[in-house]
Amino acid sequence: MASRSAALTPKQQRFVEEYLVDLNGAAVAERAGYAKSRARQTTSELVEMPAITAAQSARAAQSQRAQITADAVLGRLLRIVRDRAEAEEA
C-alpha cells in the first residue's frame, strides 16, 4: 500500500481516508481541502484516478481486516460513557 499511497498528494490521501468514512464525495472533497465550489467536480475527477481507486481499495481492505467500523467505535464509546455514569451514580 505504501507505494500506491506515495503517488498521492496529501490532499488526495486525505480524500481517500475521508471517503471511506461516509462516501459523500462533495463533503469529503471539502474536508480534504478542495474548493467547495468545485467539490463535486473534484470528486468526479478523483474517483476516476487509478491511484485513488487503488488506495481506496487498500484502505477498505485494511478496515475490513481490522473489523473497524463507525458503529463499533460508537458502540464502544457509548459503553464507556454508560459505565462511567453508572459508577458516578453508585
C-alpha atoms as a PDB file:
ATOM      1  CA  MET A   1       0.000   0.000   0.000  1.00  0.00           C
ATOM      2  CA  ALA A   2       2.862   2.403   0.669  1.00  0.00           C
ATOM      3  CA  SER A   3       3.872   2.565  -2.975  1.00  0.00           C
ATOM      4  CA  ARG A   4       0.272   3.299  -4.002  1.00  0.00           C
ATOM      5  CA  SER A   5      -0.131   5.974  -1.350  1.00  0.00           C
ATOM      6  CA  ALA A   6       3.210   7.552  -2.230  1.00  0.00           C
ATOM      7  CA  ALA A   7       1.794   8.538  -5.627  1.00  0.00           C
ATOM      8  CA  LEU A   8      -0.918  10.616  -3.947  1.00  0.00           C
ATOM      9  CA  THR A   9      -0.665  14.211  -2.835  1.00  0.00           C
ATOM     10  CA  PRO A  10      -1.519  14.923   0.809  1.00  0.00           C
ATOM     11  CA  LYS A  11      -4.978  16.210  -0.246  1.00  0.00           C
ATOM     12  CA  GLN A  12      -5.602  13.108  -2.315  1.00  0.00           C
ATOM     13  CA  GLN A  13      -4.560  10.872   0.580  1.00  0.00           C
ATOM     14  CA  ARG A  14      -6.913  12.767   2.896  1.00  0.00           C
ATOM     15  CA  PHE A  15      -9.690  12.357   0.313  1.00  0.00           C
ATOM     16  CA  VAL A  16      -9.157   8.578   0.324  1.00  0.00           C
ATOM     17  CA  GLU A  17      -9.258   8.418   4.128  1.00  0.00           C
ATOM     18  CA  GLU A  18     -12.326  10.625   4.427  1.00  0.00           C
ATOM     19  CA  TYR A  19     -14.217   8.949   1.569  1.00  0.00           C
ATOM     20  CA  LEU A  20     -14.330   5.670   3.448  1.00  0.00           C
ATOM     21  CA  VAL A  21     -15.969   7.437   6.391  1.00  0.00           C
ATOM     22  CA  ASP A  22     -19.217   8.494   4.745  1.00  0.00           C
ATOM     23  CA  LEU A  23     -18.948   8.107   0.949  1.00  0.00           C
ATOM     24  CA  ASN A  24     -20.285  11.656   0.482  1.00  0.00           C
ATOM     25  CA  GLY A  25     -17.967  12.822  -2.282  1.00  0.00           C
ATOM     26  CA  ALA A  26     -18.628  16.565  -2.156  1.00  0.00           C
ATOM     27  CA  ALA A  27     -18.345  16.741   1.634  1.00  0.00           C
ATOM     28  CA  VAL A  28     -15.243  14.561   1.536  1.00  0.00           C
ATOM     29  CA  ALA A  29     -13.574  16.792  -1.048  1.00  0.00           C
ATOM     30  CA  GLU A  30     -14.220  19.829   1.143  1.00  0.00           C
ATOM     31  CA  ARG A  31     -12.862  18.102   4.266  1.00  0.00           C
ATOM     32  CA  ALA A  32      -9.789  17.099   2.285  1.00  0.00           C
ATOM     33  CA  GLY A  33      -9.126  20.749   1.484  1.00  0.00           C
ATOM     34  CA  TYR A  34     -10.512  21.131  -2.024  1.00  0.00           C
ATOM     35  CA  ALA A  35     -12.546  24.203  -3.023  1.00  0.00           C
ATOM     36  CA  LYS A  36     -16.214  23.996  -2.052  1.00  0.00           C
ATOM     37  CA  SER A  37     -17.266  25.495  -5.375  1.00  0.00           C
ATOM     38  CA  ARG A  38     -15.665  22.591  -7.249  1.00  0.00           C
ATOM     39  CA  ALA A  39     -16.204  19.806  -4.721  1.00  0.00           C
ATOM     40  CA  ARG A  40     -18.472  17.670  -6.909  1.00  0.00           C
ATOM     41  CA  GLN A  41     -16.308  18.074  -9.989  1.00  0.00           C
ATOM     42  CA  THR A  42     -13.162  17.372  -7.976  1.00  0.00           C
ATOM     43  CA  THR A  43     -14.741  14.219  -6.553  1.00  0.00           C
ATOM     44  CA  SER A  44     -15.673  13.043 -10.021  1.00  0.00           C
ATOM     45  CA  GLU A  45     -12.107  13.593 -11.218  1.00  0.00           C
ATOM     46  CA  LEU A  46     -10.514  11.945  -8.186  1.00  0.00           C
ATOM     47  CA  VAL A  47     -12.587   8.767  -8.193  1.00  0.00           C
ATOM     48  CA  GLU A  48     -11.549   8.170 -11.808  1.00  0.00           C
ATOM     49  CA  MET A  49      -7.829   8.233 -10.962  1.00  0.00           C
ATOM     50  CA  PRO A  50      -6.264   4.742 -10.793  1.00  0.00           C
ATOM     51  CA  ALA A  51      -4.071   5.732  -7.824  1.00  0.00           C
ATOM     52  CA  ILE A  52      -7.111   6.915  -5.855  1.00  0.00           C
ATOM     53  CA  THR A  53      -9.060   3.769  -6.698  1.00  0.00           C
ATOM     54  CA  ALA A  54      -6.154   1.559  -5.630  1.00  0.00           C
ATOM     55  CA  ALA A  55      -5.678   3.480  -2.382  1.00  0.00           C
ATOM     56  CA  GLN A  56      -9.402   3.311  -1.596  1.00  0.00           C
ATOM     57  CA  SER A  57      -9.425  -0.429  -2.178  1.00  0.00           C
ATOM     58  CA  ALA A  58      -6.384  -0.901   0.043  1.00  0.00           C
ATOM     59  CA  ARG A  59      -7.858   1.229   2.856  1.00  0.00           C
ATOM     60  CA  ALA A  60     -11.211  -0.554   2.642  1.00  0.00           C
ATOM     61  CA  ALA A  61      -9.474  -3.925   2.836  1.00  0.00           C
ATOM     62  CA  GLN A  62      -7.421  -2.751   5.802  1.00  0.00           C
ATOM     63  CA  SER A  63     -10.540  -1.559   7.642  1.00  0.00           C
ATOM     64  CA  GLN A  64     -12.310  -4.811   6.925  1.00  0.00           C
ATOM     65  CA  ARG A  65      -9.365  -6.863   8.199  1.00  0.00           C
ATOM     66  CA  ALA A  66      -9.245  -4.790  11.352  1.00  0.00           C
ATOM     67  CA  GLN A  67     -13.038  -5.009  11.746  1.00  0.00           C
ATOM     68  CA  ILE A  68     -13.152  -1.293  12.469  1.00  0.00           C
ATOM     69  CA  THR A  69     -16.493   0.328  11.760  1.00  0.00           C
ATOM     70  CA  ALA A  70     -18.101   3.547  12.842  1.00  0.00           C
ATOM     71  CA  ASP A  71     -20.788   1.510  14.599  1.00  0.00           C
ATOM     72  CA  ALA A  72     -18.173  -0.427  16.569  1.00  0.00           C
ATOM     73  CA  VAL A  73     -16.397   2.754  17.656  1.00  0.00           C
ATOM     74  CA  LEU A  74     -19.650   4.469  18.659  1.00  0.00           C
ATOM     75  CA  GLY A  75     -20.833   1.370  20.487  1.00  0.00           C
ATOM     76  CA  ARG A  76     -17.613   1.242  22.489  1.00  0.00           C
ATOM     77  CA  LEU A  77     -17.831   4.943  23.343  1.00  0.00           C
ATOM     78  CA  LEU A  78     -21.438   4.569  24.493  1.00  0.00           C
ATOM     79  CA  ARG A  79     -20.464   1.643  26.738  1.00  0.00           C
ATOM     80  CA  ILE A  80     -17.671   3.720  28.276  1.00  0.00           C
ATOM     81  CA  VAL A  81     -19.987   6.672  28.913  1.00  0.00           C
ATOM     82  CA  ARG A  82     -22.686   4.411  30.340  1.00  0.00           C
ATOM     83  CA  ASP A  83     -20.197   2.617  32.616  1.00  0.00           C
ATOM     84  CA  ARG A  84     -18.825   5.920  33.916  1.00  0.00           C
ATOM     85  CA  ALA A  85     -22.299   7.300  34.526  1.00  0.00           C
ATOM     86  CA  GLU A  86     -23.251   4.177  36.458  1.00  0.00           C
ATOM     87  CA  ALA A  87     -20.049   4.369  38.502  1.00  0.00           C
ATOM     88  CA  GLU A  88     -20.752   8.001  39.410  1.00  0.00           C
ATOM     89  CA  GLU A  89     -24.301   7.145  40.499  1.00  0.00           C
ATOM     90  CA  ALA A  90     -23.092   4.354  42.783  1.00  0.00           C
END
